[in-house]
Structures are given as structure tokens and as C-alpha cells.
Amino acid sequence: MRLEKCWFCSSTVYPEHGIQFVRNDAKVNLYFPICRSKCHKNFKMKRNPRKVKWTKAYRPVYGKDMTQDSTFEFERKPNRPERYDRNLAKNVLKAIPKIEKIRVTREERHHKNRMKGKKEKIQKEAAKELEQGISLVKAPLAQKIKVSVSQRQSEDNDAMED
């Protein structure tokens, strides 16, 4: 059973599912497995999968996923068979937890760097939305009257709240 990857979104296309789009220029090796009608329509519209947010190709291009990490090389299987060596296998089994720990810390660091300015951005957006919709929050008469609170009164209120 051969599983294909969708040309557009990179999801798995199981046998007898999806569409095989074959070009008509007599080149045998140029066919495009497509998983569903959503991908087929985007493919016919000649959209670039790297610019469509829901595809897997979008994520590494825009820094959403880690792309270059040496721990990914560890899992890749070579196509050629290798001779079995007991010492090598033992060392590899010892290295797997260490490599997994390294990968987890790198992913956490990547996520932390991505979310660095997120809190300030959310606060700015909330302040902007509040400023635009202030008429919904305040009564129309209250907007005209400015209330000034002295520093001492505000300190007393803070003390009472604690």
C-alpha cells in the first residue's frame, strides 16, 4: 500500500482516494496527487501553497515551525541498508533521550521567541478597541464631564481595595 503526499497541502493521500492530476504533455513522471476538492480548486486557481495559511508548506516559510535543526537529521532513515552493530545500536538507544530533551528545549525556545511581543500587541489592540468603542462603555453625558480625582483619594481607594 503506497501512501502519497498531496501536492498542495502535503497531507496523506490514501490509495483510491483523492485525485491524480496528470499533465497532457506526454511526460510520464509529472503527476500531482491531490487529496480533496479544496486542494484541487486551489491547484486549478494556480495558488502557491507557500502563501496559503492552512498548508504545511506555509509554516516553515513564515517561521511558524522549526526547519533547520540538527536533531531532525537524527531521525532520517538512509535508503541503503546498514550492517548491524551491537555497540552502535546501544549508543544510539542511549542518545535518543538526550536528543529528545534537546529537541524539546529548542522547540520551547522557538515558541518563546515567536510569542515575545504577543502580550504587548494584545494590550495595544485592546486599548485601540476600547478607544474606538468608548461611546458604548460610557454614557453620553459622562463623556462631556471630566472628573478629576486627586492623588490622595486614589491612594485611599487603592488601600481600601487591598
C-alpha atoms as a PDB file:
ATOM      1  CA  MET A   1       0.000   0.000   0.000  1.00  0.00           C
ATOM      2  CA  ARG A   2       1.608   3.219  -1.160  1.00  0.00           C
ATOM      3  CA  LEU A   3       0.733   6.462   0.574  1.00  0.00           C
ATOM      4  CA  GLU A   4       1.195   9.632  -1.442  1.00  0.00           C
ATOM      5  CA  LYS A   5       1.585  13.197  -0.247  1.00  0.00           C
ATOM      6  CA  CYS A   6      -0.866  15.780  -1.536  1.00  0.00           C
ATOM      7  CA  TRP A   7       0.923  18.130  -3.901  1.00  0.00           C
ATOM      8  CA  PHE A   8      -0.837  21.188  -2.491  1.00  0.00           C
ATOM      9  CA  CYS A   9      -1.230  20.722   1.265  1.00  0.00           C
ATOM     10  CA  SER A  10       1.232  17.847   1.947  1.00  0.00           C
ATOM     11  CA  SER A  11      -1.329  15.723   3.764  1.00  0.00           C
ATOM     12  CA  THR A  12      -1.524  11.969   3.195  1.00  0.00           C
ATOM     13  CA  VAL A  13      -3.456  10.644   0.201  1.00  0.00           C
ATOM     14  CA  TYR A  14      -4.512   7.053   0.755  1.00  0.00           C
ATOM     15  CA  PRO A  15      -4.922   4.556  -2.097  1.00  0.00           C
ATOM     16  CA  GLU A  16      -8.105   5.051  -4.123  1.00  0.00           C
ATOM     17  CA  HIS A  17      -8.709   8.443  -2.541  1.00  0.00           C
ATOM     18  CA  GLY A  18      -8.235  11.904  -3.931  1.00  0.00           C
ATOM     19  CA  ILE A  19      -7.435  12.921  -7.491  1.00  0.00           C
ATOM     20  CA  GLN A  20      -4.445  12.232  -9.711  1.00  0.00           C
ATOM     21  CA  PHE A  21      -3.886  15.258 -11.901  1.00  0.00           C
ATOM     22  CA  VAL A  22      -1.761  14.244 -14.888  1.00  0.00           C
ATOM     23  CA  ARG A  23      -0.328  16.734 -17.341  1.00  0.00           C
ATOM     24  CA  ASN A  24      -1.059  16.159 -21.019  1.00  0.00           C
ATOM     25  CA  ASP A  25       2.422  16.887 -22.375  1.00  0.00           C
ATOM     26  CA  ALA A  26       3.362  13.163 -22.553  1.00  0.00           C
ATOM     27  CA  LYS A  27       5.702  13.304 -19.544  1.00  0.00           C
ATOM     28  CA  VAL A  28       5.017  10.196 -17.507  1.00  0.00           C
ATOM     29  CA  ASN A  29       6.564  11.272 -14.209  1.00  0.00           C
ATOM     30  CA  LEU A  30       4.655  14.532 -13.890  1.00  0.00           C
ATOM     31  CA  TYR A  31       1.511  13.814 -11.952  1.00  0.00           C
ATOM     32  CA  PHE A  32       0.119  15.580  -8.933  1.00  0.00           C
ATOM     33  CA  PRO A  33      -1.732  13.638  -6.236  1.00  0.00           C
ATOM     34  CA  ILE A  34      -4.408  15.851  -4.697  1.00  0.00           C
ATOM     35  CA  CYS A  35      -6.228  14.878  -1.510  1.00  0.00           C
ATOM     36  CA  ARG A  36      -9.568  16.747  -1.621  1.00  0.00           C
ATOM     37  CA  SER A  37     -11.626  19.221  -3.568  1.00  0.00           C
ATOM     38  CA  LYS A  38     -10.353  22.164  -1.519  1.00  0.00           C
ATOM     39  CA  CYS A  39      -6.790  21.435  -2.667  1.00  0.00           C
ATOM     40  CA  HIS A  40      -7.957  20.689  -6.208  1.00  0.00           C
ATOM     41  CA  LYS A  41      -9.714  24.063  -6.529  1.00  0.00           C
ATOM     42  CA  ASN A  42      -6.683  25.928  -5.167  1.00  0.00           C
ATOM     43  CA  PHE A  43      -4.420  23.953  -7.519  1.00  0.00           C
ATOM     44  CA  LYS A  44      -6.595  24.875 -10.524  1.00  0.00           C
ATOM     45  CA  MET A  45      -6.502  28.528  -9.435  1.00  0.00           C
ATOM     46  CA  LYS A  46      -2.681  28.229  -9.568  1.00  0.00           C
ATOM     47  CA  ARG A  47      -2.234  29.340  -5.972  1.00  0.00           C
ATOM     48  CA  ASN A  48       1.126  28.993  -4.321  1.00  0.00           C
ATOM     49  CA  PRO A  49       0.882  26.572  -1.347  1.00  0.00           C
ATOM     50  CA  ARG A  50       3.591  28.545   0.476  1.00  0.00           C
ATOM     51  CA  LYS A  51       1.259  31.568   0.606  1.00  0.00           C
ATOM     52  CA  VAL A  52      -1.887  29.749   1.757  1.00  0.00           C
ATOM     53  CA  LYS A  53      -2.022  29.711   5.568  1.00  0.00           C
ATOM     54  CA  TRP A  54      -3.584  26.273   6.117  1.00  0.00           C
ATOM     55  CA  THR A  55      -0.956  24.303   4.161  1.00  0.00           C
ATOM     56  CA  LYS A  56       2.073  22.628   5.677  1.00  0.00           C
ATOM     57  CA  ALA A  57       4.371  24.462   3.260  1.00  0.00           C
ATOM     58  CA  TYR A  58       3.295  27.824   4.753  1.00  0.00           C
ATOM     59  CA  ARG A  59       4.529  27.097   8.274  1.00  0.00           C
ATOM     60  CA  PRO A  60       8.313  26.880   7.803  1.00  0.00           C
ATOM     61  CA  VAL A  61       8.368  29.732   5.276  1.00  0.00           C
ATOM     62  CA  TYR A  62       6.813  32.176   7.756  1.00  0.00           C
ATOM     63  CA  GLY A  63       8.738  30.944  10.801  1.00  0.00           C
ATOM     64  CA  LYS A  64       5.916  29.012  12.446  1.00  0.00           C
ATOM     65  CA  ASP A  65       7.847  25.722  12.557  1.00  0.00           C
ATOM     66  CA  MET A  66      11.473  24.920  13.127  1.00  0.00           C
ATOM     67  CA  THR A  67      13.112  23.987   9.841  1.00  0.00           C
ATOM     68  CA  GLN A  68      16.844  23.798  10.463  1.00  0.00           C
ATOM     69  CA  ASP A  69      17.648  21.737  13.494  1.00  0.00           C
ATOM     70  CA  SER A  70      20.339  19.087  13.731  1.00  0.00           C
ATOM     71  CA  THR A  71      18.052  16.835  15.801  1.00  0.00           C
ATOM     72  CA  PHE A  72      15.828  16.299  12.754  1.00  0.00           C
ATOM     73  CA  GLU A  73      18.740  14.660  10.942  1.00  0.00           C
ATOM     74  CA  PHE A  74      18.907  12.003  13.646  1.00  0.00           C
ATOM     75  CA  GLU A  75      15.521  10.535  12.706  1.00  0.00           C
ATOM     76  CA  ARG A  76      16.064  10.401   8.954  1.00  0.00           C
ATOM     77  CA  LYS A  77      16.463   6.920   7.592  1.00  0.00           C
ATOM     78  CA  PRO A  78      19.023   6.326   4.863  1.00  0.00           C
ATOM     79  CA  ASN A  79      17.804   4.428   1.836  1.00  0.00           C
ATOM     80  CA  ARG A  80      20.664   1.963   1.948  1.00  0.00           C
ATOM     81  CA  PRO A  81      20.728  -0.960   4.417  1.00  0.00           C
ATOM     82  CA  GLU A  82      23.380  -0.811   7.117  1.00  0.00           C
ATOM     83  CA  ARG A  83      25.219  -3.589   8.873  1.00  0.00           C
ATOM     84  CA  TYR A  84      24.018  -4.263  12.367  1.00  0.00           C
ATOM     85  CA  ASP A  85      26.487  -3.300  15.068  1.00  0.00           C
ATOM     86  CA  ARG A  86      25.506  -4.009  18.665  1.00  0.00           C
ATOM     87  CA  ASN A  87      27.686  -1.259  20.166  1.00  0.00           C
ATOM     88  CA  LEU A  88      26.362   1.319  17.731  1.00  0.00           C
ATOM     89  CA  ALA A  89      22.774   0.303  18.459  1.00  0.00           C
ATOM     90  CA  LYS A  90      23.434   0.559  22.211  1.00  0.00           C
ATOM     91  CA  ASN A  91      24.926   4.043  21.821  1.00  0.00           C
ATOM     92  CA  VAL A  92      22.014   5.161  19.651  1.00  0.00           C
ATOM     93  CA  LEU A  93      19.497   3.945  22.241  1.00  0.00           C
ATOM     94  CA  LYS A  94      21.388   5.869  24.931  1.00  0.00           C
ATOM     95  CA  ALA A  95      21.424   9.012  22.781  1.00  0.00           C
ATOM     96  CA  ILE A  96      17.682   9.026  21.976  1.00  0.00           C
ATOM     97  CA  PRO A  97      16.513  10.520  25.335  1.00  0.00           C
ATOM     98  CA  LYS A  98      19.247  13.175  25.224  1.00  0.00           C
ATOM     99  CA  ILE A  99      18.331  14.172  21.694  1.00  0.00           C
ATOM    100  CA  GLU A 100      14.633  14.269  22.584  1.00  0.00           C
ATOM    101  CA  LYS A 101      15.425  16.560  25.524  1.00  0.00           C
ATOM    102  CA  ILE A 102      17.471  18.853  23.265  1.00  0.00           C
ATOM    103  CA  ARG A 103      14.651  18.962  20.711  1.00  0.00           C
ATOM    104  CA  VAL A 104      12.057  19.845  23.345  1.00  0.00           C
ATOM    105  CA  THR A 105      14.171  22.693  24.748  1.00  0.00           C
ATOM    106  CA  ARG A 106      14.816  24.075  21.268  1.00  0.00           C
ATOM    107  CA  GLU A 107      11.110  23.943  20.403  1.00  0.00           C
ATOM    108  CA  GLU A 108      10.271  25.742  23.654  1.00  0.00           C
ATOM    109  CA  ARG A 109      12.872  28.420  22.897  1.00  0.00           C
ATOM    110  CA  HIS A 110      11.495  28.775  19.352  1.00  0.00           C
ATOM    111  CA  HIS A 111       7.942  29.164  20.673  1.00  0.00           C
ATOM    112  CA  LYS A 112       9.081  31.658  23.318  1.00  0.00           C
ATOM    113  CA  ASN A 113      10.834  33.777  20.668  1.00  0.00           C
ATOM    114  CA  ARG A 114       7.738  33.680  18.451  1.00  0.00           C
ATOM    115  CA  MET A 115       5.475  34.831  21.282  1.00  0.00           C
ATOM    116  CA  LYS A 116       7.860  37.502  22.602  1.00  0.00           C
ATOM    117  CA  GLY A 117       5.864  40.621  21.662  1.00  0.00           C
ATOM    118  CA  LYS A 118       2.447  38.978  21.783  1.00  0.00           C
ATOM    119  CA  LYS A 119       1.327  40.366  25.175  1.00  0.00           C
ATOM    120  CA  GLU A 120       2.116  43.989  24.276  1.00  0.00           C
ATOM    121  CA  LYS A 121       0.400  43.557  20.923  1.00  0.00           C
ATOM    122  CA  ILE A 122      -2.752  42.217  22.573  1.00  0.00           C
ATOM    123  CA  GLN A 123      -2.765  45.120  25.053  1.00  0.00           C
ATOM    124  CA  LYS A 124      -2.372  47.691  22.250  1.00  0.00           C
ATOM    125  CA  GLU A 125      -5.215  46.097  20.276  1.00  0.00           C
ATOM    126  CA  ALA A 126      -7.449  46.058  23.369  1.00  0.00           C
ATOM    127  CA  ALA A 127      -6.688  49.728  24.098  1.00  0.00           C
ATOM    128  CA  LYS A 128      -7.416  50.667  20.482  1.00  0.00           C
ATOM    129  CA  GLU A 129     -10.705  48.750  20.515  1.00  0.00           C
ATOM    130  CA  LEU A 130     -11.693  50.381  23.802  1.00  0.00           C
ATOM    131  CA  GLU A 131     -10.851  53.802  22.405  1.00  0.00           C
ATOM    132  CA  GLN A 132     -12.969  53.186  19.301  1.00  0.00           C
ATOM    133  CA  GLY A 133     -15.934  51.855  21.258  1.00  0.00           C
ATOM    134  CA  ILE A 134     -15.759  54.211  24.250  1.00  0.00           C
ATOM    135  CA  SER A 135     -19.250  55.512  23.455  1.00  0.00           C
ATOM    136  CA  LEU A 136     -20.612  52.045  24.181  1.00  0.00           C
ATOM    137  CA  VAL A 137     -18.941  51.936  27.586  1.00  0.00           C
ATOM    138  CA  LYS A 138     -19.589  55.474  28.845  1.00  0.00           C
ATOM    139  CA  ALA A 139     -22.910  57.237  28.986  1.00  0.00           C
ATOM    140  CA  PRO A 140     -23.229  60.148  26.509  1.00  0.00           C
ATOM    141  CA  LEU A 141     -23.470  62.746  29.313  1.00  0.00           C
ATOM    142  CA  ALA A 142     -20.467  61.325  31.165  1.00  0.00           C
ATOM    143  CA  GLN A 143     -18.229  61.906  28.155  1.00  0.00           C
ATOM    144  CA  LYS A 144     -18.780  65.632  28.304  1.00  0.00           C
ATOM    145  CA  ILE A 145     -17.985  65.958  32.020  1.00  0.00           C
ATOM    146  CA  LYS A 146     -14.406  65.323  33.041  1.00  0.00           C
ATOM    147  CA  VAL A 147     -13.971  64.003  36.534  1.00  0.00           C
ATOM    148  CA  SER A 148     -10.671  64.746  38.230  1.00  0.00           C
ATOM    149  CA  VAL A 149      -9.603  62.621  41.127  1.00  0.00           C
ATOM    150  CA  SER A 150      -6.918  63.856  43.446  1.00  0.00           C
ATOM    151  CA  GLN A 151      -3.841  61.725  44.090  1.00  0.00           C
ATOM    152  CA  ARG A 152      -4.725  61.296  47.753  1.00  0.00           C
ATOM    153  CA  GLN A 153      -8.215  59.957  47.036  1.00  0.00           C
ATOM    154  CA  SER A 154      -6.881  57.408  44.557  1.00  0.00           C
ATOM    155  CA  GLU A 155      -4.287  56.214  47.107  1.00  0.00           C
ATOM    156  CA  ASP A 156      -7.042  55.813  49.714  1.00  0.00           C
ATOM    157  CA  ASN A 157      -9.112  53.784  47.257  1.00  0.00           C
ATOM    158  CA  ASP A 158      -6.141  51.531  46.488  1.00  0.00           C
ATOM    159  CA  ALA A 159      -5.561  50.938  50.197  1.00  0.00           C
ATOM    160  CA  MET A 160      -9.232  50.044  50.708  1.00  0.00           C
ATOM    161  CA  GLU A 161      -9.140  47.554  47.835  1.00  0.00           C
ATOM    162  CA  ASP A 162      -6.154  45.726  49.309  1.00  0.00           C
END
